[in-house]
mmCIF file of all heavy atoms, coordinates in Angstrom:
data_MODEL
# 
_entry.id   MODEL 
# 
loop_
_atom_site.group_PDB 
_atom_site.id 
_atom_site.type_symbol 
_atom_site.label_atom_id 
_atom_site.label_alt_id 
_atom_site.label_comp_id 
_atom_site.label_asym_id 
_atom_site.label_entity_id 
_atom_site.label_seq_id 
_atom_site.pdbx_PDB_ins_code 
_atom_site.Cartn_x 
_atom_site.Cartn_y 
_atom_site.Cartn_z 
_atom_site.occupancy 
_atom_site.B_iso_or_equiv 
_atom_site.pdbx_formal_charge 
_atom_site.auth_seq_id 
_atom_site.auth_comp_id 
_atom_site.auth_asym_id 
_atom_site.auth_atom_id 
_atom_site.pdbx_PDB_model_num 
ATOM 1   N N   . ALA A 1 1  ? 0.804  -1.221 0.000   1.00 0.00 ? 1  ALA A N   1 
ATOM 2   C CA  . ALA A 1 1  ? 0.000  0.000  0.000   1.00 0.00 ? 1  ALA A CA  1 
ATOM 3   C C   . ALA A 1 1  ? 0.838  1.273  0.000   1.00 0.00 ? 1  ALA A C   1 
ATOM 4   O O   . ALA A 1 1  ? 0.277  2.377  -0.014  1.00 0.00 ? 1  ALA A O   1 
ATOM 5   C CB  . ALA A 1 1  ? -0.938 0.014  1.206   1.00 0.00 ? 1  ALA A CB  1 
ATOM 6   N N   . LEU A 1 2  ? 2.164  1.147  0.004   1.00 0.00 ? 2  LEU A N   1 
ATOM 7   C CA  . LEU A 1 2  ? 3.014  2.333  0.138   1.00 0.00 ? 2  LEU A CA  1 
ATOM 8   C C   . LEU A 1 2  ? 3.733  2.666  -1.172  1.00 0.00 ? 2  LEU A C   1 
ATOM 9   O O   . LEU A 1 2  ? 4.325  1.779  -1.795  1.00 0.00 ? 2  LEU A O   1 
ATOM 10  C CB  . LEU A 1 2  ? 4.062  2.123  1.230   1.00 0.00 ? 2  LEU A CB  1 
ATOM 11  C CG  . LEU A 1 2  ? 3.552  2.081  2.671   1.00 0.00 ? 2  LEU A CG  1 
ATOM 12  C CD1 . LEU A 1 2  ? 4.720  1.820  3.621   1.00 0.00 ? 2  LEU A CD1 1 
ATOM 13  C CD2 . LEU A 1 2  ? 2.854  3.387  3.044   1.00 0.00 ? 2  LEU A CD2 1 
ATOM 14  N N   . PRO A 1 3  ? 3.713  3.933  -1.575  1.00 0.00 ? 3  PRO A N   1 
ATOM 15  C CA  . PRO A 1 3  ? 4.569  4.360  -2.684  1.00 0.00 ? 3  PRO A CA  1 
ATOM 16  C C   . PRO A 1 3  ? 6.036  4.195  -2.296  1.00 0.00 ? 3  PRO A C   1 
ATOM 17  O O   . PRO A 1 3  ? 6.389  4.238  -1.116  1.00 0.00 ? 3  PRO A O   1 
ATOM 18  C CB  . PRO A 1 3  ? 4.218  5.838  -2.863  1.00 0.00 ? 3  PRO A CB  1 
ATOM 19  C CG  . PRO A 1 3  ? 2.961  6.058  -2.099  1.00 0.00 ? 3  PRO A CG  1 
ATOM 20  C CD  . PRO A 1 3  ? 2.931  5.040  -1.009  1.00 0.00 ? 3  PRO A CD  1 
ATOM 21  N N   . VAL A 1 4  ? 6.879  4.023  -3.306  1.00 0.00 ? 4  VAL A N   1 
ATOM 22  C CA  . VAL A 1 4  ? 8.312  3.864  -3.090  1.00 0.00 ? 4  VAL A CA  1 
ATOM 23  C C   . VAL A 1 4  ? 9.018  5.154  -3.494  1.00 0.00 ? 4  VAL A C   1 
ATOM 24  O O   . VAL A 1 4  ? 8.729  5.724  -4.551  1.00 0.00 ? 4  VAL A O   1 
ATOM 25  C CB  . VAL A 1 4  ? 8.871  2.686  -3.912  1.00 0.00 ? 4  VAL A CB  1 
ATOM 26  C CG1 . VAL A 1 4  ? 10.366 2.501  -3.637  1.00 0.00 ? 4  VAL A CG1 1 
ATOM 27  C CG2 . VAL A 1 4  ? 8.110  1.395  -3.598  1.00 0.00 ? 4  VAL A CG2 1 
ATOM 28  N N   . VAL A 1 5  ? 9.933  5.621  -2.648  1.00 0.00 ? 5  VAL A N   1 
ATOM 29  C CA  . VAL A 1 5  ? 10.718 6.817  -2.943  1.00 0.00 ? 5  VAL A CA  1 
ATOM 30  C C   . VAL A 1 5  ? 12.198 6.515  -2.744  1.00 0.00 ? 5  VAL A C   1 
ATOM 31  O O   . VAL A 1 5  ? 12.573 5.516  -2.131  1.00 0.00 ? 5  VAL A O   1 
ATOM 32  C CB  . VAL A 1 5  ? 10.302 8.016  -2.065  1.00 0.00 ? 5  VAL A CB  1 
ATOM 33  C CG1 . VAL A 1 5  ? 8.873  8.433  -2.353  1.00 0.00 ? 5  VAL A CG1 1 
ATOM 34  C CG2 . VAL A 1 5  ? 10.480 7.701  -0.580  1.00 0.00 ? 5  VAL A CG2 1 
ATOM 35  N N   . GLY A 1 6  ? 13.016 7.397  -3.263  1.00 0.00 ? 6  GLY A N   1 
ATOM 36  C CA  . GLY A 1 6  ? 14.463 7.291  -3.111  1.00 0.00 ? 6  GLY A CA  1 
ATOM 37  C C   . GLY A 1 6  ? 15.093 8.435  -3.873  1.00 0.00 ? 6  GLY A C   1 
ATOM 38  O O   . GLY A 1 6  ? 14.433 9.426  -4.174  1.00 0.00 ? 6  GLY A O   1 
ATOM 39  N N   . TYR A 1 7  ? 16.375 8.303  -4.207  1.00 0.00 ? 7  TYR A N   1 
ATOM 40  C CA  . TYR A 1 7  ? 16.990 9.297  -5.083  1.00 0.00 ? 7  TYR A CA  1 
ATOM 41  C C   . TYR A 1 7  ? 18.062 8.640  -5.926  1.00 0.00 ? 7  TYR A C   1 
ATOM 42  O O   . TYR A 1 7  ? 18.694 7.659  -5.512  1.00 0.00 ? 7  TYR A O   1 
ATOM 43  C CB  . TYR A 1 7  ? 17.530 10.506 -4.311  1.00 0.00 ? 7  TYR A CB  1 
ATOM 44  C CG  . TYR A 1 7  ? 18.747 10.257 -3.450  1.00 0.00 ? 7  TYR A CG  1 
ATOM 45  C CD1 . TYR A 1 7  ? 20.037 10.353 -3.973  1.00 0.00 ? 7  TYR A CD1 1 
ATOM 46  C CD2 . TYR A 1 7  ? 18.617 9.959  -2.097  1.00 0.00 ? 7  TYR A CD2 1 
ATOM 47  C CE1 . TYR A 1 7  ? 21.158 10.149 -3.192  1.00 0.00 ? 7  TYR A CE1 1 
ATOM 48  C CE2 . TYR A 1 7  ? 19.730 9.750  -1.296  1.00 0.00 ? 7  TYR A CE2 1 
ATOM 49  C CZ  . TYR A 1 7  ? 21.000 9.853  -1.851  1.00 0.00 ? 7  TYR A CZ  1 
ATOM 50  O OH  . TYR A 1 7  ? 22.109 9.639  -1.069  1.00 0.00 ? 7  TYR A OH  1 
ATOM 51  N N   . GLU A 1 8  ? 18.248 9.154  -7.129  1.00 0.00 ? 8  GLU A N   1 
ATOM 52  C CA  . GLU A 1 8  ? 19.256 8.647  -8.051  1.00 0.00 ? 8  GLU A CA  1 
ATOM 53  C C   . GLU A 1 8  ? 19.742 9.789  -8.924  1.00 0.00 ? 8  GLU A C   1 
ATOM 54  O O   . GLU A 1 8  ? 19.115 10.864 -8.983  1.00 0.00 ? 8  GLU A O   1 
ATOM 55  C CB  . GLU A 1 8  ? 18.687 7.535  -8.951  1.00 0.00 ? 8  GLU A CB  1 
ATOM 56  C CG  . GLU A 1 8  ? 18.219 6.277  -8.235  1.00 0.00 ? 8  GLU A CG  1 
ATOM 57  C CD  . GLU A 1 8  ? 19.339 5.432  -7.660  1.00 0.00 ? 8  GLU A CD  1 
ATOM 58  O OE1 . GLU A 1 8  ? 20.527 5.780  -7.867  1.00 0.00 ? 8  GLU A OE1 1 
ATOM 59  O OE2 . GLU A 1 8  ? 19.036 4.427  -6.998  1.00 0.00 ? 8  GLU A OE2 1 
ATOM 60  N N   . SER A 1 9  ? 20.838 9.547  -9.641  1.00 0.00 ? 9  SER A N   1 
ATOM 61  C CA  . SER A 1 9  ? 21.374 10.526 -10.579 1.00 0.00 ? 9  SER A CA  1 
ATOM 62  C C   . SER A 1 9  ? 22.008 9.795  -11.750 1.00 0.00 ? 9  SER A C   1 
ATOM 63  O O   . SER A 1 9  ? 22.274 8.587  -11.690 1.00 0.00 ? 9  SER A O   1 
ATOM 64  C CB  . SER A 1 9  ? 22.413 11.428 -9.898  1.00 0.00 ? 9  SER A CB  1 
ATOM 65  O OG  . SER A 1 9  ? 23.530 10.661 -9.460  1.00 0.00 ? 9  SER A OG  1 
ATOM 66  N N   . GLY A 1 10 ? 22.251 10.520 -12.830 1.00 0.00 ? 10 GLY A N   1 
ATOM 67  C CA  . GLY A 1 10 ? 22.965 9.978  -13.982 1.00 0.00 ? 10 GLY A CA  1 
ATOM 68  C C   . GLY A 1 10 ? 22.321 8.736  -14.564 1.00 0.00 ? 10 GLY A C   1 
ATOM 69  O O   . GLY A 1 10 ? 21.101 8.635  -14.689 1.00 0.00 ? 10 GLY A O   1 
ATOM 70  N N   . ASP A 1 11 ? 23.173 7.771  -14.922 1.00 0.00 ? 11 ASP A N   1 
ATOM 71  C CA  . ASP A 1 11 ? 22.684 6.537  -15.527 1.00 0.00 ? 11 ASP A CA  1 
ATOM 72  C C   . ASP A 1 11 ? 21.751 5.775  -14.590 1.00 0.00 ? 11 ASP A C   1 
ATOM 73  O O   . ASP A 1 11 ? 20.789 5.134  -15.045 1.00 0.00 ? 11 ASP A O   1 
ATOM 74  C CB  . ASP A 1 11 ? 23.855 5.632  -15.923 1.00 0.00 ? 11 ASP A CB  1 
ATOM 75  C CG  . ASP A 1 11 ? 24.673 6.196  -17.075 1.00 0.00 ? 11 ASP A CG  1 
ATOM 76  O OD1 . ASP A 1 11 ? 24.190 7.119  -17.768 1.00 0.00 ? 11 ASP A OD1 1 
ATOM 77  O OD2 . ASP A 1 11 ? 25.813 5.727  -17.273 1.00 0.00 ? 11 ASP A OD2 1 
ATOM 78  N N   . ASP A 1 12 ? 22.016 5.838  -13.277 1.00 0.00 ? 12 ASP A N   1 
ATOM 79  C CA  . ASP A 1 12 ? 21.156 5.133  -12.320 1.00 0.00 ? 12 ASP A CA  1 
ATOM 80  C C   . ASP A 1 12 ? 19.758 5.734  -12.297 1.00 0.00 ? 12 ASP A C   1 
ATOM 81  O O   . ASP A 1 12 ? 18.773 5.020  -12.089 1.00 0.00 ? 12 ASP A O   1 
ATOM 82  C CB  . ASP A 1 12 ? 21.775 5.160  -10.926 1.00 0.00 ? 12 ASP A CB  1 
ATOM 83  C CG  . ASP A 1 12 ? 23.012 4.291  -10.820 1.00 0.00 ? 12 ASP A CG  1 
ATOM 84  O OD1 . ASP A 1 12 ? 23.190 3.395  -11.678 1.00 0.00 ? 12 ASP A OD1 1 
ATOM 85  O OD2 . ASP A 1 12 ? 23.808 4.500  -9.888  1.00 0.00 ? 12 ASP A OD2 1 
ATOM 86  N N   . LEU A 1 13 ? 19.650 7.044  -12.506 1.00 0.00 ? 13 LEU A N   1 
ATOM 87  C CA  . LEU A 1 13 ? 18.333 7.682  -12.594 1.00 0.00 ? 13 LEU A CA  1 
ATOM 88  C C   . LEU A 1 13 ? 17.596 7.196  -13.839 1.00 0.00 ? 13 LEU A C   1 
ATOM 89  O O   . LEU A 1 13 ? 16.403 6.871  -13.779 1.00 0.00 ? 13 LEU A O   1 
ATOM 90  C CB  . LEU A 1 13 ? 18.496 9.201  -12.619 1.00 0.00 ? 13 LEU A CB  1 
ATOM 91  C CG  . LEU A 1 13 ? 17.219 10.011 -12.820 1.00 0.00 ? 13 LEU A CG  1 
ATOM 92  C CD1 . LEU A 1 13 ? 16.208 9.731  -11.713 1.00 0.00 ? 13 LEU A CD1 1 
ATOM 93  C CD2 . LEU A 1 13 ? 17.543 11.503 -12.888 1.00 0.00 ? 13 LEU A CD2 1 
ATOM 94  N N   . GLU A 1 14 ? 18.287 7.122  -14.960 1.00 0.00 ? 14 GLU A N   1 
ATOM 95  C CA  . GLU A 1 14 ? 17.657 6.634  -16.190 1.00 0.00 ? 14 GLU A CA  1 
ATOM 96  C C   . GLU A 1 14 ? 17.161 5.201  -16.012 1.00 0.00 ? 14 GLU A C   1 
ATOM 97  O O   . GLU A 1 14 ? 16.071 4.846  -16.484 1.00 0.00 ? 14 GLU A O   1 
ATOM 98  C CB  . GLU A 1 14 ? 18.646 6.711  -17.343 1.00 0.00 ? 14 GLU A CB  1 
ATOM 99  C CG  . GLU A 1 14 ? 19.021 8.133  -17.744 1.00 0.00 ? 14 GLU A CG  1 
ATOM 100 C CD  . GLU A 1 14 ? 19.982 8.169  -18.912 1.00 0.00 ? 14 GLU A CD  1 
ATOM 101 O OE1 . GLU A 1 14 ? 20.215 7.105  -19.536 1.00 0.00 ? 14 GLU A OE1 1 
ATOM 102 O OE2 . GLU A 1 14 ? 20.501 9.257  -19.214 1.00 0.00 ? 14 GLU A OE2 1 
ATOM 103 N N   . THR A 1 15 ? 17.940 4.390  -15.319 1.00 0.00 ? 15 THR A N   1 
ATOM 104 C CA  . THR A 1 15 ? 17.520 3.013  -15.079 1.00 0.00 ? 15 THR A CA  1 
ATOM 105 C C   . THR A 1 15 ? 16.284 2.972  -14.198 1.00 0.00 ? 15 THR A C   1 
ATOM 106 O O   . THR A 1 15 ? 15.338 2.223  -14.465 1.00 0.00 ? 15 THR A O   1 
ATOM 107 C CB  . THR A 1 15 ? 18.656 2.206  -14.431 1.00 0.00 ? 15 THR A CB  1 
ATOM 108 O OG1 . THR A 1 15 ? 19.811 2.259  -15.266 1.00 0.00 ? 15 THR A OG1 1 
ATOM 109 C CG2 . THR A 1 15 ? 18.251 0.754  -14.237 1.00 0.00 ? 15 THR A CG2 1 
ATOM 110 N N   . ALA A 1 16 ? 16.260 3.761  -13.130 1.00 0.00 ? 16 ALA A N   1 
ATOM 111 C CA  . ALA A 1 16 ? 15.107 3.779  -12.236 1.00 0.00 ? 16 ALA A CA  1 
ATOM 112 C C   . ALA A 1 16 ? 13.843 4.190  -12.989 1.00 0.00 ? 16 ALA A C   1 
ATOM 113 O O   . ALA A 1 16 ? 12.758 3.634  -12.760 1.00 0.00 ? 16 ALA A O   1 
ATOM 114 C CB  . ALA A 1 16 ? 15.363 4.718  -11.061 1.00 0.00 ? 16 ALA A CB  1 
ATOM 115 N N   . VAL A 1 17 ? 13.957 5.161  -13.891 1.00 0.00 ? 17 VAL A N   1 
ATOM 116 C CA  . VAL A 1 17 ? 12.800 5.590  -14.682 1.00 0.00 ? 17 VAL A CA  1 
ATOM 117 C C   . VAL A 1 17 ? 12.280 4.433  -15.530 1.00 0.00 ? 17 VAL A C   1 
ATOM 118 O O   . VAL A 1 17 ? 11.058 4.250  -15.672 1.00 0.00 ? 17 VAL A O   1 
ATOM 119 C CB  . VAL A 1 17 ? 13.175 6.813  -15.547 1.00 0.00 ? 17 VAL A CB  1 
ATOM 120 C CG1 . VAL A 1 17 ? 12.085 7.106  -16.583 1.00 0.00 ? 17 VAL A CG1 1 
ATOM 121 C CG2 . VAL A 1 17 ? 13.396 8.034  -14.659 1.00 0.00 ? 17 VAL A CG2 1 
ATOM 122 N N   . ARG A 1 18 ? 13.176 3.617  -16.056 1.00 0.00 ? 18 ARG A N   1 
ATOM 123 C CA  . ARG A 1 18 ? 12.734 2.453  -16.841 1.00 0.00 ? 18 ARG A CA  1 
ATOM 124 C C   . ARG A 1 18 ? 11.939 1.473  -15.993 1.00 0.00 ? 18 ARG A C   1 
ATOM 125 O O   . ARG A 1 18 ? 11.121 0.716  -16.517 1.00 0.00 ? 18 ARG A O   1 
ATOM 126 C CB  . ARG A 1 18 ? 13.939 1.733  -17.455 1.00 0.00 ? 18 ARG A CB  1 
ATOM 127 C CG  . ARG A 1 18 ? 14.637 2.492  -18.559 1.00 0.00 ? 18 ARG A CG  1 
ATOM 128 C CD  . ARG A 1 18 ? 15.419 1.548  -19.464 1.00 0.00 ? 18 ARG A CD  1 
ATOM 129 N NE  . ARG A 1 18 ? 16.381 0.730  -18.764 1.00 0.00 ? 18 ARG A NE  1 
ATOM 130 C CZ  . ARG A 1 18 ? 17.629 1.091  -18.493 1.00 0.00 ? 18 ARG A CZ  1 
ATOM 131 N NH1 . ARG A 1 18 ? 18.050 2.297  -18.865 1.00 0.00 ? 18 ARG A NH1 1 
ATOM 132 N NH2 . ARG A 1 18 ? 18.462 0.287  -17.855 1.00 0.00 ? 18 ARG A NH2 1 
ATOM 133 N N   . TYR A 1 19 ? 12.166 1.486  -14.691 1.00 0.00 ? 19 TYR A N   1 
ATOM 134 C CA  . TYR A 1 19 ? 11.464 0.567  -13.803 1.00 0.00 ? 19 TYR A CA  1 
ATOM 135 C C   . TYR A 1 19 ? 10.287 1.223  -13.076 1.00 0.00 ? 19 TYR A C   1 
ATOM 136 O O   . TYR A 1 19 ? 9.860  0.759  -12.035 1.00 0.00 ? 19 TYR A O   1 
ATOM 137 C CB  . TYR A 1 19 ? 12.452 -0.067 -12.819 1.00 0.00 ? 19 TYR A CB  1 
ATOM 138 C CG  . TYR A 1 19 ? 13.317 -1.101 -13.502 1.00 0.00 ? 19 TYR A CG  1 
ATOM 139 C CD1 . TYR A 1 19 ? 14.583 -0.770 -13.963 1.00 0.00 ? 19 TYR A CD1 1 
ATOM 140 C CD2 . TYR A 1 19 ? 12.836 -2.385 -13.748 1.00 0.00 ? 19 TYR A CD2 1 
ATOM 141 C CE1 . TYR A 1 19 ? 15.364 -1.697 -14.636 1.00 0.00 ? 19 TYR A CE1 1 
ATOM 142 C CE2 . TYR A 1 19 ? 13.612 -3.324 -14.413 1.00 0.00 ? 19 TYR A CE2 1 
ATOM 143 C CZ  . TYR A 1 19 ? 14.872 -2.968 -14.855 1.00 0.00 ? 19 TYR A CZ  1 
ATOM 144 O OH  . TYR A 1 19 ? 15.638 -3.886 -15.525 1.00 0.00 ? 19 TYR A OH  1 
ATOM 145 N N   . GLY A 1 20 ? 9.766  2.285  -13.668 1.00 0.00 ? 20 GLY A N   1 
ATOM 146 C CA  . GLY A 1 20 ? 8.508  2.835  -13.191 1.00 0.00 ? 20 GLY A CA  1 
ATOM 147 C C   . GLY A 1 20 ? 8.594  4.014  -12.248 1.00 0.00 ? 20 GLY A C   1 
ATOM 148 O O   . GLY A 1 20 ? 7.564  4.485  -11.751 1.00 0.00 ? 20 GLY A O   1 
ATOM 149 N N   . PHE A 1 21 ? 9.804  4.517  -11.993 1.00 0.00 ? 21 PHE A N   1 
ATOM 150 C CA  . PHE A 1 21 ? 9.955  5.695  -11.144 1.00 0.00 ? 21 PHE A CA  1 
ATOM 151 C C   . PHE A 1 21 ? 9.818  6.963  -11.979 1.00 0.00 ? 21 PHE A C   1 
ATOM 152 O O   . PHE A 1 21 ? 10.067 6.963  -13.182 1.00 0.00 ? 21 PHE A O   1 
ATOM 153 C CB  . PHE A 1 21 ? 11.313 5.703  -10.455 1.00 0.00 ? 21 PHE A CB  1 
ATOM 154 C CG  . PHE A 1 21 ? 11.456 4.714  -9.336  1.00 0.00 ? 21 PHE A CG  1 
ATOM 155 C CD1 . PHE A 1 21 ? 11.962 3.445  -9.575  1.00 0.00 ? 21 PHE A CD1 1 
ATOM 156 C CD2 . PHE A 1 21 ? 11.082 5.048  -8.041  1.00 0.00 ? 21 PHE A CD2 1 
ATOM 157 C CE1 . PHE A 1 21 ? 12.106 2.525  -8.543  1.00 0.00 ? 21 PHE A CE1 1 
ATOM 158 C CE2 . PHE A 1 21 ? 11.224 4.141  -7.002  1.00 0.00 ? 21 PHE A CE2 1 
ATOM 159 C CZ  . PHE A 1 21 ? 11.725 2.878  -7.255  1.00 0.00 ? 21 PHE A CZ  1 
ATOM 160 N N   . GLU A 1 22 ? 9.461  8.044  -11.317 1.00 0.00 ? 22 GLU A N   1 
ATOM 161 C CA  . GLU A 1 22 ? 9.460  9.364  -11.941 1.00 0.00 ? 22 GLU A CA  1 
ATOM 162 C C   . GLU A 1 22 ? 10.243 10.322 -11.060 1.00 0.00 ? 22 GLU A C   1 
ATOM 163 O O   . GLU A 1 22 ? 10.165 10.252 -9.825  1.00 0.00 ? 22 GLU A O   1 
ATOM 164 C CB  . GLU A 1 22 ? 8.035  9.879  -12.122 1.00 0.00 ? 22 GLU A CB  1 
ATOM 165 C CG  . GLU A 1 22 ? 7.266  10.031 -10.816 1.00 0.00 ? 22 GLU A CG  1 
ATOM 166 C CD  . GLU A 1 22 ? 5.919  10.698 -11.009 1.00 0.00 ? 22 GLU A CD  1 
ATOM 167 O OE1 . GLU A 1 22 ? 5.692  11.287 -12.071 1.00 0.00 ? 22 GLU A OE1 1 
ATOM 168 O OE2 . GLU A 1 22 ? 5.096  10.637 -10.059 1.00 0.00 ? 22 GLU A OE2 1 
ATOM 169 N N   . PRO A 1 23 ? 11.024 11.227 -11.659 1.00 0.00 ? 23 PRO A N   1 
ATOM 170 C CA  . PRO A 1 23 ? 11.694 12.263 -10.868 1.00 0.00 ? 23 PRO A CA  1 
ATOM 171 C C   . PRO A 1 23 ? 10.659 13.259 -10.353 1.00 0.00 ? 23 PRO A C   1 
ATOM 172 O O   . PRO A 1 23 ? 9.754  13.657 -11.095 1.00 0.00 ? 23 PRO A O   1 
ATOM 173 C CB  . PRO A 1 23 ? 12.642 12.926 -11.870 1.00 0.00 ? 23 PRO A CB  1 
ATOM 174 C CG  . PRO A 1 23 ? 12.723 11.983 -13.039 1.00 0.00 ? 23 PRO A CG  1 
ATOM 175 C CD  . PRO A 1 23 ? 11.415 11.282 -13.076 1.00 0.00 ? 23 PRO A CD  1 
ATOM 176 N N   . VAL A 1 24 ? 10.793 13.667 -9.089  1.00 0.00 ? 24 VAL A N   1 
ATOM 177 C CA  . VAL A 1 24 ? 9.810  14.591 -8.514  1.00 0.00 ? 24 VAL A CA  1 
ATOM 178 C C   . VAL A 1 24 ? 10.434 15.862 -7.956  1.00 0.00 ? 24 VAL A C   1 
ATOM 179 O O   . VAL A 1 24 ? 9.709  16.785 -7.578  1.00 0.00 ? 24 VAL A O   1 
ATOM 180 C CB  . VAL A 1 24 ? 8.954  13.909 -7.428  1.00 0.00 ? 24 VAL A CB  1 
ATOM 181 C CG1 . VAL A 1 24 ? 8.046  12.860 -8.052  1.00 0.00 ? 24 VAL A CG1 1 
ATOM 182 C CG2 . VAL A 1 24 ? 9.815  13.303 -6.329  1.00 0.00 ? 24 VAL A CG2 1 
ATOM 183 N N   . GLY A 1 25 ? 11.751 15.951 -7.898  1.00 0.00 ? 25 GLY A N   1 
ATOM 184 C CA  . GLY A 1 25 ? 12.371 17.171 -7.394  1.00 0.00 ? 25 GLY A CA  1 
ATOM 185 C C   . GLY A 1 25 ? 13.849 16.969 -7.126  1.00 0.00 ? 25 GLY A C   1 
ATOM 186 O O   . GLY A 1 25 ? 14.298 15.846 -6.875  1.00 0.00 ? 25 GLY A O   1 
ATOM 187 N N   . PRO A 1 26 ? 14.629 18.052 -7.155  1.00 0.00 ? 26 PRO A N   1 
ATOM 188 C CA  . PRO A 1 26 ? 16.076 17.946 -6.988  1.00 0.00 ? 26 PRO A CA  1 
ATOM 189 C C   . PRO A 1 26 ? 16.522 17.948 -5.534  1.00 0.00 ? 26 PRO A C   1 
ATOM 190 O O   . PRO A 1 26 ? 15.827 18.449 -4.646  1.00 0.00 ? 26 PRO A O   1 
ATOM 191 C CB  . PRO A 1 26 ? 16.583 19.202 -7.694  1.00 0.00 ? 26 PRO A CB  1 
ATOM 192 C CG  . PRO A 1 26 ? 15.499 20.216 -7.440  1.00 0.00 ? 26 PRO A CG  1 
ATOM 193 C CD  . PRO A 1 26 ? 14.207 19.435 -7.481  1.00 0.00 ? 26 PRO A CD  1 
ATOM 194 N N   . LEU A 1 27 ? 17.690 17.378 -5.312  1.00 0.00 ? 27 LEU A N   1 
ATOM 195 C CA  . LEU A 1 27 ? 18.387 17.497 -4.035  1.00 0.00 ? 27 LEU A CA  1 
ATOM 196 C C   . LEU A 1 27 ? 19.860 17.746 -4.323  1.00 0.00 ? 27 LEU A C   1 
ATOM 197 O O   . LEU A 1 27 ? 20.328 17.538 -5.444  1.00 0.00 ? 27 LEU A O   1 
ATOM 198 C CB  . LEU A 1 27 ? 18.222 16.256 -3.168  1.00 0.00 ? 27 LEU A CB  1 
ATOM 199 C CG  . LEU A 1 27 ? 18.902 14.980 -3.660  1.00 0.00 ? 27 LEU A CG  1 
ATOM 200 C CD1 . LEU A 1 27 ? 19.729 14.342 -2.566  1.00 0.00 ? 27 LEU A CD1 1 
ATOM 201 C CD2 . LEU A 1 27 ? 17.866 13.992 -4.171  1.00 0.00 ? 27 LEU A CD2 1 
# 
C-alpha cells in the first residue's frame, strides 16, 4: 500500500525511470 521513494542521478536515474519511477524534485 506504500509508494516507493528514493533518489538517483545519472545513468542510475535513467535506469530507475525504466522501472517505473518518476523524478519529482532535486536534491
